N, C-alpha and C. Protein backbone atom coordinates (compact mmCIF):
# COMPACT_ATOMS: atom_id res chain seq x y z
N THR A 1 -2.54 -5.92 -17.64
CA THR A 1 -1.25 -6.36 -17.14
C THR A 1 -1.46 -7.50 -16.14
N GLU A 2 -0.40 -8.27 -15.91
CA GLU A 2 -0.52 -9.36 -14.94
C GLU A 2 0.19 -8.97 -13.65
N PHE A 3 -0.44 -9.30 -12.53
CA PHE A 3 0.14 -9.01 -11.22
C PHE A 3 -0.15 -10.19 -10.32
N TYR A 4 0.89 -10.85 -9.87
CA TYR A 4 0.76 -11.98 -8.93
C TYR A 4 -0.26 -13.01 -9.45
N GLY A 5 -0.23 -13.21 -10.76
CA GLY A 5 -1.12 -14.22 -11.35
C GLY A 5 -2.52 -13.73 -11.68
N LEU A 6 -2.83 -12.48 -11.30
CA LEU A 6 -4.15 -11.93 -11.63
C LEU A 6 -4.01 -11.05 -12.87
N GLU A 7 -5.03 -11.07 -13.72
CA GLU A 7 -5.00 -10.17 -14.88
C GLU A 7 -5.78 -8.91 -14.55
N LEU A 8 -5.09 -7.77 -14.58
CA LEU A 8 -5.69 -6.50 -14.17
C LEU A 8 -5.85 -5.54 -15.33
N ILE A 9 -6.91 -4.75 -15.25
CA ILE A 9 -7.09 -3.63 -16.18
C ILE A 9 -6.27 -2.46 -15.63
N VAL A 10 -5.46 -1.83 -16.46
CA VAL A 10 -4.81 -0.57 -16.05
C VAL A 10 -4.97 0.44 -17.18
N ASN A 11 -4.97 1.71 -16.83
CA ASN A 11 -4.99 2.77 -17.86
C ASN A 11 -4.16 3.94 -17.36
N GLU A 12 -4.28 5.09 -18.03
CA GLU A 12 -3.41 6.22 -17.67
C GLU A 12 -3.74 6.83 -16.30
N SER A 13 -4.82 6.38 -15.68
CA SER A 13 -5.20 6.93 -14.36
C SER A 13 -4.55 6.21 -13.20
N VAL A 14 -3.85 5.10 -13.46
CA VAL A 14 -3.24 4.32 -12.37
C VAL A 14 -1.83 3.91 -12.75
N LEU A 15 -1.04 3.59 -11.74
CA LEU A 15 0.31 3.06 -12.00
C LEU A 15 0.21 1.64 -12.55
N ILE A 16 1.17 1.29 -13.38
CA ILE A 16 1.29 -0.11 -13.80
C ILE A 16 2.00 -0.81 -12.64
N PRO A 17 1.40 -1.83 -12.04
CA PRO A 17 2.03 -2.44 -10.85
C PRO A 17 3.40 -3.02 -11.17
N ARG A 18 4.33 -2.81 -10.25
CA ARG A 18 5.72 -3.24 -10.43
C ARG A 18 5.98 -4.57 -9.74
N PHE A 19 7.10 -5.15 -10.15
CA PHE A 19 7.51 -6.42 -9.55
C PHE A 19 7.77 -6.25 -8.04
N GLU A 20 8.34 -5.08 -7.66
CA GLU A 20 8.62 -4.83 -6.23
C GLU A 20 7.33 -4.90 -5.41
N THR A 21 6.24 -4.46 -6.03
CA THR A 21 4.96 -4.48 -5.31
C THR A 21 4.47 -5.91 -5.12
N GLU A 22 4.79 -6.78 -6.07
CA GLU A 22 4.49 -8.21 -5.87
C GLU A 22 5.25 -8.75 -4.66
N GLU A 23 6.50 -8.30 -4.53
CA GLU A 23 7.31 -8.74 -3.39
C GLU A 23 6.73 -8.22 -2.07
N LEU A 24 6.22 -6.99 -2.10
CA LEU A 24 5.55 -6.43 -0.91
C LEU A 24 4.37 -7.31 -0.51
N VAL A 25 3.56 -7.67 -1.50
CA VAL A 25 2.36 -8.49 -1.23
C VAL A 25 2.77 -9.87 -0.70
N GLU A 26 3.77 -10.46 -1.33
CA GLU A 26 4.22 -11.79 -0.91
C GLU A 26 4.68 -11.79 0.56
N ASN A 27 5.50 -10.81 0.92
CA ASN A 27 5.99 -10.72 2.29
C ASN A 27 4.87 -10.42 3.28
N THR A 28 3.94 -9.59 2.86
CA THR A 28 2.80 -9.25 3.72
C THR A 28 1.94 -10.48 3.98
N LEU A 29 1.68 -11.26 2.96
CA LEU A 29 0.88 -12.48 3.12
C LEU A 29 1.55 -13.44 4.12
N LYS A 30 2.88 -13.54 4.03
CA LYS A 30 3.62 -14.42 4.96
C LYS A 30 3.40 -13.95 6.40
N ILE A 31 3.54 -12.64 6.63
CA ILE A 31 3.40 -12.11 8.00
C ILE A 31 1.96 -12.29 8.49
N ILE A 32 0.99 -12.04 7.62
CA ILE A 32 -0.43 -12.21 8.01
C ILE A 32 -0.66 -13.65 8.47
N ASN A 33 -0.14 -14.59 7.70
CA ASN A 33 -0.36 -16.00 8.04
C ASN A 33 0.29 -16.39 9.37
N GLN A 34 1.40 -15.73 9.70
CA GLN A 34 2.07 -16.02 10.98
C GLN A 34 1.38 -15.32 12.15
N LYS A 35 0.85 -14.14 11.90
CA LYS A 35 0.46 -13.24 12.99
C LYS A 35 -1.03 -13.30 13.35
N PHE A 36 -1.86 -13.63 12.38
CA PHE A 36 -3.31 -13.59 12.62
C PHE A 36 -3.92 -14.97 12.40
N SER A 37 -4.76 -15.38 13.34
CA SER A 37 -5.32 -16.73 13.20
C SER A 37 -6.73 -16.71 12.63
N SER A 38 -7.49 -15.65 12.95
CA SER A 38 -8.89 -15.65 12.48
C SER A 38 -9.05 -14.64 11.36
N ASN A 39 -10.30 -14.24 11.11
CA ASN A 39 -10.58 -13.25 10.07
C ASN A 39 -9.69 -12.02 10.19
N VAL A 40 -9.17 -11.56 9.08
CA VAL A 40 -8.26 -10.41 9.12
C VAL A 40 -8.86 -9.28 8.28
N ASN A 41 -8.91 -8.08 8.90
CA ASN A 41 -9.43 -6.90 8.21
C ASN A 41 -8.27 -6.09 7.64
N VAL A 42 -8.31 -5.88 6.33
CA VAL A 42 -7.17 -5.28 5.62
C VAL A 42 -7.62 -4.00 4.93
N LEU A 43 -6.79 -2.95 5.02
CA LEU A 43 -7.00 -1.73 4.24
C LEU A 43 -5.84 -1.54 3.28
N ASP A 44 -6.16 -1.41 1.99
CA ASP A 44 -5.18 -1.06 0.97
C ASP A 44 -5.35 0.43 0.71
N LEU A 45 -4.42 1.22 1.26
CA LEU A 45 -4.50 2.69 1.21
C LEU A 45 -3.75 3.17 -0.03
N CYS A 46 -4.32 4.12 -0.78
CA CYS A 46 -3.75 4.56 -2.07
C CYS A 46 -3.76 3.37 -3.03
N CYS A 47 -4.93 2.77 -3.23
CA CYS A 47 -5.02 1.46 -3.89
C CYS A 47 -4.78 1.47 -5.39
N GLY A 48 -4.92 2.62 -6.05
CA GLY A 48 -4.72 2.65 -7.50
C GLY A 48 -5.61 1.64 -8.20
N SER A 49 -5.01 0.78 -8.99
CA SER A 49 -5.77 -0.22 -9.76
C SER A 49 -6.40 -1.29 -8.88
N GLY A 50 -5.96 -1.34 -7.61
CA GLY A 50 -6.47 -2.37 -6.70
C GLY A 50 -5.59 -3.60 -6.65
N ALA A 51 -4.43 -3.53 -7.30
CA ALA A 51 -3.55 -4.71 -7.40
C ALA A 51 -3.27 -5.36 -6.04
N ILE A 52 -2.92 -4.54 -5.05
CA ILE A 52 -2.52 -5.09 -3.74
C ILE A 52 -3.72 -5.70 -3.03
N GLY A 53 -4.77 -4.91 -2.85
CA GLY A 53 -5.93 -5.38 -2.09
C GLY A 53 -6.60 -6.59 -2.73
N LEU A 54 -6.71 -6.56 -4.05
CA LEU A 54 -7.38 -7.67 -4.75
C LEU A 54 -6.55 -8.95 -4.67
N THR A 55 -5.23 -8.81 -4.72
CA THR A 55 -4.38 -10.00 -4.59
C THR A 55 -4.53 -10.60 -3.19
N ILE A 56 -4.51 -9.75 -2.18
CA ILE A 56 -4.67 -10.26 -0.81
C ILE A 56 -6.01 -10.96 -0.66
N LYS A 57 -7.06 -10.34 -1.19
CA LYS A 57 -8.40 -10.95 -1.11
C LYS A 57 -8.42 -12.30 -1.82
N SER A 58 -7.74 -12.38 -2.96
CA SER A 58 -7.77 -13.63 -3.73
C SER A 58 -6.98 -14.76 -3.05
N LYS A 59 -5.99 -14.37 -2.23
CA LYS A 59 -5.13 -15.37 -1.59
C LYS A 59 -5.59 -15.76 -0.18
N LEU A 60 -6.36 -14.88 0.45
CA LEU A 60 -6.77 -15.13 1.84
C LEU A 60 -8.28 -15.23 1.95
N ASN A 61 -8.78 -16.43 2.11
CA ASN A 61 -10.23 -16.61 2.23
C ASN A 61 -10.80 -15.89 3.44
N ASN A 62 -9.96 -15.79 4.50
CA ASN A 62 -10.48 -15.23 5.75
C ASN A 62 -10.20 -13.73 5.86
N SER A 63 -10.17 -13.03 4.71
CA SER A 63 -9.87 -11.59 4.77
C SER A 63 -11.08 -10.76 4.36
N ASN A 64 -11.26 -9.63 5.05
CA ASN A 64 -12.20 -8.59 4.62
C ASN A 64 -11.33 -7.44 4.14
N VAL A 65 -11.46 -7.08 2.87
CA VAL A 65 -10.55 -6.09 2.30
C VAL A 65 -11.30 -4.81 1.94
N THR A 66 -10.74 -3.68 2.41
CA THR A 66 -11.21 -2.35 2.02
C THR A 66 -10.09 -1.70 1.21
N MET A 67 -10.46 -1.01 0.14
CA MET A 67 -9.45 -0.32 -0.68
C MET A 67 -9.88 1.14 -0.82
N SER A 68 -8.90 2.05 -0.76
CA SER A 68 -9.27 3.46 -0.89
C SER A 68 -8.24 4.21 -1.72
N ASP A 69 -8.73 5.27 -2.37
CA ASP A 69 -7.85 6.14 -3.15
C ASP A 69 -8.51 7.51 -3.25
N VAL A 70 -7.70 8.54 -3.42
CA VAL A 70 -8.24 9.90 -3.54
C VAL A 70 -8.74 10.17 -4.97
N SER A 71 -8.24 9.39 -5.92
CA SER A 71 -8.55 9.64 -7.34
C SER A 71 -9.82 8.90 -7.77
N LYS A 72 -10.80 9.67 -8.25
CA LYS A 72 -12.05 9.08 -8.76
C LYS A 72 -11.75 8.09 -9.88
N GLU A 73 -10.80 8.46 -10.73
CA GLU A 73 -10.46 7.62 -11.89
C GLU A 73 -9.85 6.29 -11.43
N ALA A 74 -8.97 6.38 -10.44
CA ALA A 74 -8.36 5.15 -9.90
C ALA A 74 -9.44 4.26 -9.29
N ILE A 75 -10.37 4.87 -8.56
CA ILE A 75 -11.46 4.12 -7.93
C ILE A 75 -12.26 3.36 -8.99
N SER A 76 -12.51 4.00 -10.12
CA SER A 76 -13.31 3.29 -11.14
C SER A 76 -12.52 2.14 -11.76
N VAL A 77 -11.19 2.26 -11.85
CA VAL A 77 -10.36 1.14 -12.33
C VAL A 77 -10.38 0.00 -11.30
N ALA A 78 -10.23 0.35 -10.02
CA ALA A 78 -10.26 -0.67 -8.96
C ALA A 78 -11.61 -1.40 -8.95
N LYS A 79 -12.69 -0.65 -9.14
CA LYS A 79 -14.03 -1.28 -9.18
C LYS A 79 -14.15 -2.22 -10.37
N ALA A 80 -13.63 -1.78 -11.51
CA ALA A 80 -13.68 -2.63 -12.72
C ALA A 80 -12.89 -3.91 -12.49
N ASN A 81 -11.75 -3.80 -11.81
CA ASN A 81 -10.92 -4.99 -11.54
C ASN A 81 -11.60 -5.93 -10.55
N SER A 82 -12.23 -5.39 -9.52
CA SER A 82 -12.88 -6.28 -8.54
C SER A 82 -14.04 -7.02 -9.20
N LYS A 83 -14.72 -6.33 -10.11
CA LYS A 83 -15.84 -6.96 -10.84
C LYS A 83 -15.31 -8.04 -11.79
N LYS A 84 -14.25 -7.69 -12.52
CA LYS A 84 -13.65 -8.62 -13.49
C LYS A 84 -13.18 -9.90 -12.80
N LEU A 85 -12.60 -9.73 -11.60
CA LEU A 85 -12.04 -10.88 -10.88
C LEU A 85 -13.05 -11.52 -9.93
N ASN A 86 -14.24 -10.90 -9.87
CA ASN A 86 -15.31 -11.41 -9.01
C ASN A 86 -14.86 -11.52 -7.55
N LEU A 87 -14.21 -10.45 -7.07
CA LEU A 87 -13.73 -10.42 -5.69
C LEU A 87 -14.53 -9.37 -4.91
N ASP A 88 -15.05 -9.77 -3.78
CA ASP A 88 -15.92 -8.91 -2.99
C ASP A 88 -15.10 -8.06 -2.03
N VAL A 89 -14.87 -6.80 -2.39
CA VAL A 89 -14.11 -5.87 -1.54
C VAL A 89 -14.90 -4.57 -1.41
N GLU A 90 -14.59 -3.81 -0.38
CA GLU A 90 -15.21 -2.49 -0.23
C GLU A 90 -14.25 -1.46 -0.82
N ILE A 91 -14.77 -0.55 -1.65
CA ILE A 91 -13.91 0.45 -2.30
C ILE A 91 -14.43 1.85 -1.95
N ILE A 92 -13.55 2.67 -1.38
CA ILE A 92 -13.96 3.98 -0.87
C ILE A 92 -13.10 5.08 -1.49
N GLU A 93 -13.75 6.15 -1.95
CA GLU A 93 -12.98 7.31 -2.39
C GLU A 93 -12.64 8.13 -1.15
N SER A 94 -11.35 8.32 -0.90
CA SER A 94 -10.95 8.98 0.34
C SER A 94 -9.54 9.54 0.22
N ASP A 95 -9.35 10.76 0.73
CA ASP A 95 -8.01 11.32 0.83
C ASP A 95 -7.37 10.73 2.09
N LEU A 96 -6.55 9.72 1.89
CA LEU A 96 -6.02 8.91 2.99
C LEU A 96 -7.17 8.49 3.92
N PHE A 97 -7.14 8.89 5.21
CA PHE A 97 -8.13 8.33 6.15
C PHE A 97 -9.43 9.14 6.25
N GLN A 98 -9.54 10.17 5.44
CA GLN A 98 -10.67 11.10 5.57
C GLN A 98 -12.05 10.41 5.67
N ASN A 99 -12.30 9.45 4.79
CA ASN A 99 -13.62 8.79 4.79
C ASN A 99 -13.56 7.36 5.34
N ILE A 100 -12.50 7.06 6.07
CA ILE A 100 -12.35 5.73 6.67
C ILE A 100 -12.84 5.83 8.12
N ASN A 101 -13.75 4.94 8.52
CA ASN A 101 -14.27 5.08 9.88
C ASN A 101 -14.30 3.77 10.66
N LYS A 102 -13.32 2.91 10.37
CA LYS A 102 -13.21 1.70 11.21
C LYS A 102 -11.75 1.34 11.41
N LYS A 103 -11.52 0.29 12.20
CA LYS A 103 -10.14 -0.12 12.50
C LYS A 103 -9.79 -1.40 11.75
N PHE A 104 -8.49 -1.58 11.54
CA PHE A 104 -8.00 -2.70 10.73
C PHE A 104 -6.88 -3.44 11.46
N ASP A 105 -6.69 -4.70 11.06
CA ASP A 105 -5.55 -5.48 11.54
C ASP A 105 -4.32 -5.17 10.70
N VAL A 106 -4.56 -4.98 9.40
CA VAL A 106 -3.45 -4.77 8.45
C VAL A 106 -3.76 -3.54 7.61
N ILE A 107 -2.81 -2.61 7.55
CA ILE A 107 -2.91 -1.49 6.60
C ILE A 107 -1.67 -1.55 5.73
N ILE A 108 -1.91 -1.66 4.44
CA ILE A 108 -0.82 -1.80 3.47
C ILE A 108 -0.91 -0.65 2.48
N SER A 109 0.23 -0.10 2.09
CA SER A 109 0.18 1.04 1.18
C SER A 109 1.45 1.13 0.32
N ASN A 110 1.22 1.49 -0.93
CA ASN A 110 2.31 1.87 -1.83
C ASN A 110 2.01 3.31 -2.23
N PRO A 111 2.32 4.26 -1.32
CA PRO A 111 1.92 5.65 -1.59
C PRO A 111 2.88 6.32 -2.57
N PRO A 112 2.54 7.52 -3.03
CA PRO A 112 3.49 8.26 -3.89
C PRO A 112 4.76 8.56 -3.09
N TYR A 113 5.94 8.20 -3.63
CA TYR A 113 7.16 8.43 -2.83
C TYR A 113 8.34 8.97 -3.63
N ILE A 114 8.09 9.46 -4.83
CA ILE A 114 9.20 10.05 -5.60
C ILE A 114 9.37 11.50 -5.15
N ALA A 115 10.62 11.89 -4.89
CA ALA A 115 10.90 13.26 -4.45
C ALA A 115 10.78 14.22 -5.63
N GLU A 116 10.38 15.45 -5.32
CA GLU A 116 10.32 16.47 -6.38
C GLU A 116 11.70 16.65 -6.97
N GLY A 117 11.78 16.71 -8.28
CA GLY A 117 13.08 16.92 -8.92
C GLY A 117 13.88 15.65 -9.12
N GLU A 118 13.40 14.51 -8.58
CA GLU A 118 14.12 13.25 -8.77
C GLU A 118 13.97 12.80 -10.22
N GLU A 119 15.08 12.32 -10.78
CA GLU A 119 15.04 11.84 -12.16
C GLU A 119 14.26 10.54 -12.24
N ILE A 120 13.27 10.48 -13.11
CA ILE A 120 12.59 9.20 -13.33
C ILE A 120 12.49 8.92 -14.82
N ASP A 121 12.29 7.68 -15.12
CA ASP A 121 12.18 7.21 -16.50
C ASP A 121 11.16 8.05 -17.27
N GLU A 122 11.54 8.50 -18.46
CA GLU A 122 10.64 9.32 -19.30
C GLU A 122 9.31 8.60 -19.55
N MET A 123 9.40 7.31 -19.76
CA MET A 123 8.22 6.49 -20.05
C MET A 123 7.21 6.59 -18.88
N VAL A 124 7.75 6.52 -17.68
CA VAL A 124 6.91 6.61 -16.48
C VAL A 124 6.36 8.03 -16.35
N LYS A 125 7.27 9.00 -16.49
CA LYS A 125 6.92 10.41 -16.31
C LYS A 125 5.79 10.84 -17.25
N ASN A 126 5.85 10.34 -18.48
CA ASN A 126 4.89 10.81 -19.49
C ASN A 126 3.61 9.99 -19.54
N ASN A 127 3.59 8.83 -18.90
CA ASN A 127 2.42 7.96 -19.07
C ASN A 127 1.71 7.56 -17.78
N GLU A 128 2.30 7.88 -16.63
CA GLU A 128 1.65 7.47 -15.39
C GLU A 128 1.24 8.70 -14.59
N PRO A 129 0.19 8.59 -13.78
CA PRO A 129 -0.37 9.77 -13.11
C PRO A 129 0.58 10.35 -12.06
N HIS A 130 0.91 11.64 -12.19
CA HIS A 130 1.83 12.28 -11.25
C HIS A 130 1.29 12.24 -9.83
N LEU A 131 -0.04 12.27 -9.69
CA LEU A 131 -0.68 12.17 -8.38
C LEU A 131 -0.23 10.91 -7.64
N ALA A 132 0.03 9.85 -8.40
CA ALA A 132 0.41 8.57 -7.78
C ALA A 132 1.93 8.40 -7.64
N LEU A 133 2.68 9.36 -8.18
CA LEU A 133 4.13 9.21 -8.19
C LEU A 133 4.84 10.09 -7.15
N TYR A 134 4.44 11.36 -7.08
CA TYR A 134 5.24 12.33 -6.33
C TYR A 134 4.77 12.51 -4.90
N GLY A 135 5.74 12.47 -3.96
CA GLY A 135 5.42 12.55 -2.53
C GLY A 135 6.06 13.74 -1.84
N GLY A 136 6.08 14.89 -2.53
CA GLY A 136 6.63 16.09 -1.89
C GLY A 136 8.12 16.22 -2.06
N GLU A 137 8.69 17.22 -1.37
CA GLU A 137 10.09 17.59 -1.58
C GLU A 137 11.05 16.40 -1.45
N LYS A 138 10.89 15.60 -0.37
CA LYS A 138 11.79 14.45 -0.18
C LYS A 138 11.10 13.13 -0.50
N GLY A 139 9.86 13.21 -0.96
CA GLY A 139 9.13 11.97 -1.25
C GLY A 139 8.53 11.33 -0.01
N LEU A 140 8.58 12.05 1.13
CA LEU A 140 8.16 11.43 2.41
C LEU A 140 6.82 11.94 2.93
N ASP A 141 6.22 12.89 2.21
CA ASP A 141 5.00 13.54 2.72
C ASP A 141 3.90 12.56 3.09
N PHE A 142 3.70 11.54 2.25
CA PHE A 142 2.59 10.61 2.50
C PHE A 142 2.88 9.70 3.69
N TYR A 143 4.14 9.29 3.84
CA TYR A 143 4.48 8.45 5.01
C TYR A 143 4.23 9.24 6.30
N GLU A 144 4.61 10.50 6.28
CA GLU A 144 4.40 11.37 7.45
C GLU A 144 2.90 11.48 7.76
N ARG A 145 2.11 11.78 6.74
CA ARG A 145 0.65 11.93 6.95
C ARG A 145 0.01 10.61 7.40
N ILE A 146 0.40 9.53 6.76
CA ILE A 146 -0.19 8.22 7.10
C ILE A 146 0.17 7.82 8.53
N LEU A 147 1.46 7.89 8.86
CA LEU A 147 1.91 7.40 10.18
C LEU A 147 1.39 8.28 11.31
N LYS A 148 1.16 9.54 11.04
CA LYS A 148 0.60 10.44 12.06
C LYS A 148 -0.82 10.01 12.43
N GLU A 149 -1.61 9.64 11.41
CA GLU A 149 -3.03 9.34 11.64
C GLU A 149 -3.32 7.87 11.90
N ILE A 150 -2.41 7.01 11.46
CA ILE A 150 -2.71 5.57 11.41
C ILE A 150 -3.02 4.93 12.77
N PRO A 151 -2.44 5.42 13.90
CA PRO A 151 -2.76 4.76 15.18
C PRO A 151 -4.27 4.70 15.47
N ASN A 152 -5.01 5.68 14.98
CA ASN A 152 -6.47 5.71 15.20
C ASN A 152 -7.23 4.65 14.42
N TYR A 153 -6.56 4.02 13.47
CA TYR A 153 -7.26 3.09 12.56
C TYR A 153 -6.75 1.66 12.68
N LEU A 154 -5.98 1.40 13.76
CA LEU A 154 -5.39 0.06 13.92
C LEU A 154 -5.96 -0.65 15.14
N ASN A 155 -6.14 -1.94 15.02
CA ASN A 155 -6.44 -2.77 16.18
C ASN A 155 -5.15 -2.95 16.99
N ASP A 156 -5.29 -3.52 18.21
CA ASP A 156 -4.11 -3.67 19.08
C ASP A 156 -3.04 -4.57 18.47
N ASN A 157 -3.49 -5.63 17.81
CA ASN A 157 -2.56 -6.53 17.11
C ASN A 157 -2.56 -6.12 15.65
N PHE A 158 -1.46 -5.53 15.18
CA PHE A 158 -1.51 -4.92 13.84
C PHE A 158 -0.25 -5.13 13.02
N LEU A 159 -0.42 -4.91 11.74
CA LEU A 159 0.70 -4.89 10.79
C LEU A 159 0.50 -3.71 9.85
N ILE A 160 1.55 -2.90 9.70
CA ILE A 160 1.58 -1.85 8.67
C ILE A 160 2.64 -2.28 7.66
N ALA A 161 2.30 -2.25 6.39
CA ALA A 161 3.26 -2.67 5.34
C ALA A 161 3.35 -1.55 4.29
N PHE A 162 4.57 -1.10 4.03
CA PHE A 162 4.80 -0.03 3.06
C PHE A 162 5.78 -0.47 1.98
N GLU A 163 5.50 -0.07 0.74
CA GLU A 163 6.57 -0.03 -0.25
C GLU A 163 7.23 1.33 -0.11
N ILE A 164 8.57 1.37 -0.24
CA ILE A 164 9.30 2.63 -0.06
C ILE A 164 10.33 2.82 -1.17
N GLY A 165 10.78 4.06 -1.30
CA GLY A 165 11.90 4.33 -2.21
C GLY A 165 13.19 3.80 -1.61
N ALA A 166 14.14 3.45 -2.46
CA ALA A 166 15.35 2.73 -2.03
C ALA A 166 16.21 3.49 -1.03
N THR A 167 16.06 4.82 -0.93
CA THR A 167 16.92 5.59 -0.02
C THR A 167 16.14 6.11 1.20
N GLN A 168 14.91 5.65 1.39
CA GLN A 168 14.03 6.30 2.38
C GLN A 168 13.91 5.55 3.71
N LYS A 169 14.54 4.40 3.81
CA LYS A 169 14.35 3.53 4.97
C LYS A 169 14.54 4.27 6.30
N ASP A 170 15.69 4.91 6.49
CA ASP A 170 16.02 5.51 7.79
C ASP A 170 15.05 6.62 8.17
N GLU A 171 14.69 7.44 7.18
CA GLU A 171 13.75 8.55 7.44
C GLU A 171 12.39 8.02 7.86
N ILE A 172 11.93 6.96 7.20
CA ILE A 172 10.59 6.43 7.50
C ILE A 172 10.59 5.76 8.88
N ILE A 173 11.67 5.09 9.22
CA ILE A 173 11.78 4.49 10.56
C ILE A 173 11.71 5.60 11.62
N LYS A 174 12.39 6.70 11.34
CA LYS A 174 12.37 7.84 12.27
C LYS A 174 10.94 8.37 12.43
N ILE A 175 10.22 8.50 11.32
CA ILE A 175 8.83 8.99 11.38
C ILE A 175 7.97 8.01 12.18
N ALA A 176 8.13 6.72 11.93
CA ALA A 176 7.33 5.70 12.64
C ALA A 176 7.57 5.80 14.15
N ASN A 177 8.83 5.97 14.54
CA ASN A 177 9.15 6.05 15.97
C ASN A 177 8.66 7.34 16.63
N THR A 178 8.35 8.35 15.82
CA THR A 178 7.77 9.59 16.35
C THR A 178 6.33 9.36 16.81
N TYR A 179 5.62 8.51 16.08
CA TYR A 179 4.18 8.36 16.34
C TYR A 179 3.82 7.08 17.09
N PHE A 180 4.77 6.20 17.29
CA PHE A 180 4.51 4.92 17.98
C PHE A 180 5.54 4.65 19.05
N ASN A 181 5.11 4.00 20.14
CA ASN A 181 6.06 3.37 21.08
C ASN A 181 5.81 1.88 20.94
N ASN A 182 6.77 1.11 21.35
CA ASN A 182 6.52 -0.32 21.46
C ASN A 182 6.18 -1.00 20.14
N ILE A 183 6.96 -0.71 19.12
CA ILE A 183 6.73 -1.36 17.83
C ILE A 183 7.98 -2.11 17.40
N GLU A 184 7.77 -3.03 16.51
CA GLU A 184 8.89 -3.74 15.90
C GLU A 184 8.91 -3.35 14.42
N ILE A 185 10.08 -2.95 13.94
CA ILE A 185 10.18 -2.52 12.53
C ILE A 185 11.14 -3.45 11.79
N THR A 186 10.66 -4.00 10.69
CA THR A 186 11.50 -4.87 9.86
C THR A 186 11.57 -4.26 8.46
N THR A 187 12.76 -4.24 7.89
CA THR A 187 12.86 -3.79 6.49
C THR A 187 13.30 -4.96 5.63
N LYS A 188 12.87 -4.94 4.39
CA LYS A 188 13.28 -6.01 3.47
C LYS A 188 13.78 -5.42 2.17
N LYS A 189 14.75 -6.13 1.61
CA LYS A 189 15.29 -5.71 0.32
C LYS A 189 14.51 -6.40 -0.80
N ASP A 190 14.49 -5.76 -1.97
CA ASP A 190 13.89 -6.42 -3.13
C ASP A 190 14.94 -7.33 -3.79
N LEU A 191 14.57 -7.94 -4.89
CA LEU A 191 15.49 -8.88 -5.54
C LEU A 191 16.73 -8.19 -6.10
N SER A 192 16.64 -6.85 -6.26
CA SER A 192 17.83 -6.09 -6.72
C SER A 192 18.67 -5.61 -5.54
N ASN A 193 18.34 -6.13 -4.33
CA ASN A 193 19.12 -5.82 -3.12
C ASN A 193 19.00 -4.36 -2.68
N ARG A 194 17.83 -3.75 -2.96
CA ARG A 194 17.59 -2.38 -2.49
C ARG A 194 16.51 -2.42 -1.40
N ASP A 195 16.65 -1.55 -0.41
CA ASP A 195 15.63 -1.49 0.68
C ASP A 195 14.33 -0.96 0.09
N ARG A 196 13.33 -1.82 -0.01
CA ARG A 196 12.10 -1.39 -0.68
C ARG A 196 10.82 -1.66 0.11
N MET A 197 10.93 -2.28 1.30
CA MET A 197 9.73 -2.61 2.06
C MET A 197 9.98 -2.37 3.55
N ILE A 198 8.97 -1.86 4.22
CA ILE A 198 9.03 -1.70 5.68
C ILE A 198 7.77 -2.32 6.29
N PHE A 199 7.98 -3.11 7.33
CA PHE A 199 6.87 -3.73 8.05
C PHE A 199 6.92 -3.30 9.51
N ILE A 200 5.81 -2.77 10.00
CA ILE A 200 5.75 -2.29 11.38
C ILE A 200 4.67 -3.08 12.10
N THR A 201 5.04 -3.69 13.23
CA THR A 201 4.06 -4.47 14.00
C THR A 201 4.12 -4.07 15.46
N ASN A 202 3.03 -4.37 16.18
CA ASN A 202 3.04 -4.16 17.63
C ASN A 202 3.98 -5.17 18.26
N LYS A 203 4.59 -4.82 19.39
CA LYS A 203 5.48 -5.77 20.07
C LYS A 203 4.67 -6.78 20.86
């Protein structure tokens, strides 16, 4: 499949990257260019095929990119893509931050965010990994887990970028404010005018 001009290998172990995720990457790149002047350390959490992290690496010469996922199968797809595209990134098998032991300027994630029982396209349901789709009863479990732990993995000047479900904005802002003081939160709509991205930065 093609993602942001890169040709990626995907299979049944990873999500097929969506157009909304391209918009997430595009907006994140803009903020990185405004906010950071020197080398930027980026973590792509729940990386799947590696679409997000590899795109950032390909667009930013001054980036060090780490990608992680809990799924062994996803990790092998991400490794195959980094090799295919000849992009030098670090790839770690990790349940969220479990095996991560350094700090980053940017942490970006498109975690599983579909609520249990939510109606989704049959094509998606039958062909994409449920591990990468479902985020607990309200679809918020991963945002809660990530935002609780993330302060330990961020430098003082930071950006957190999330893709979110269209109805989750207010809940995720509430979770972010539980674990952080002194942050700025920006949300962005996708081209279909739905709230699909949240950016959290230090003030």
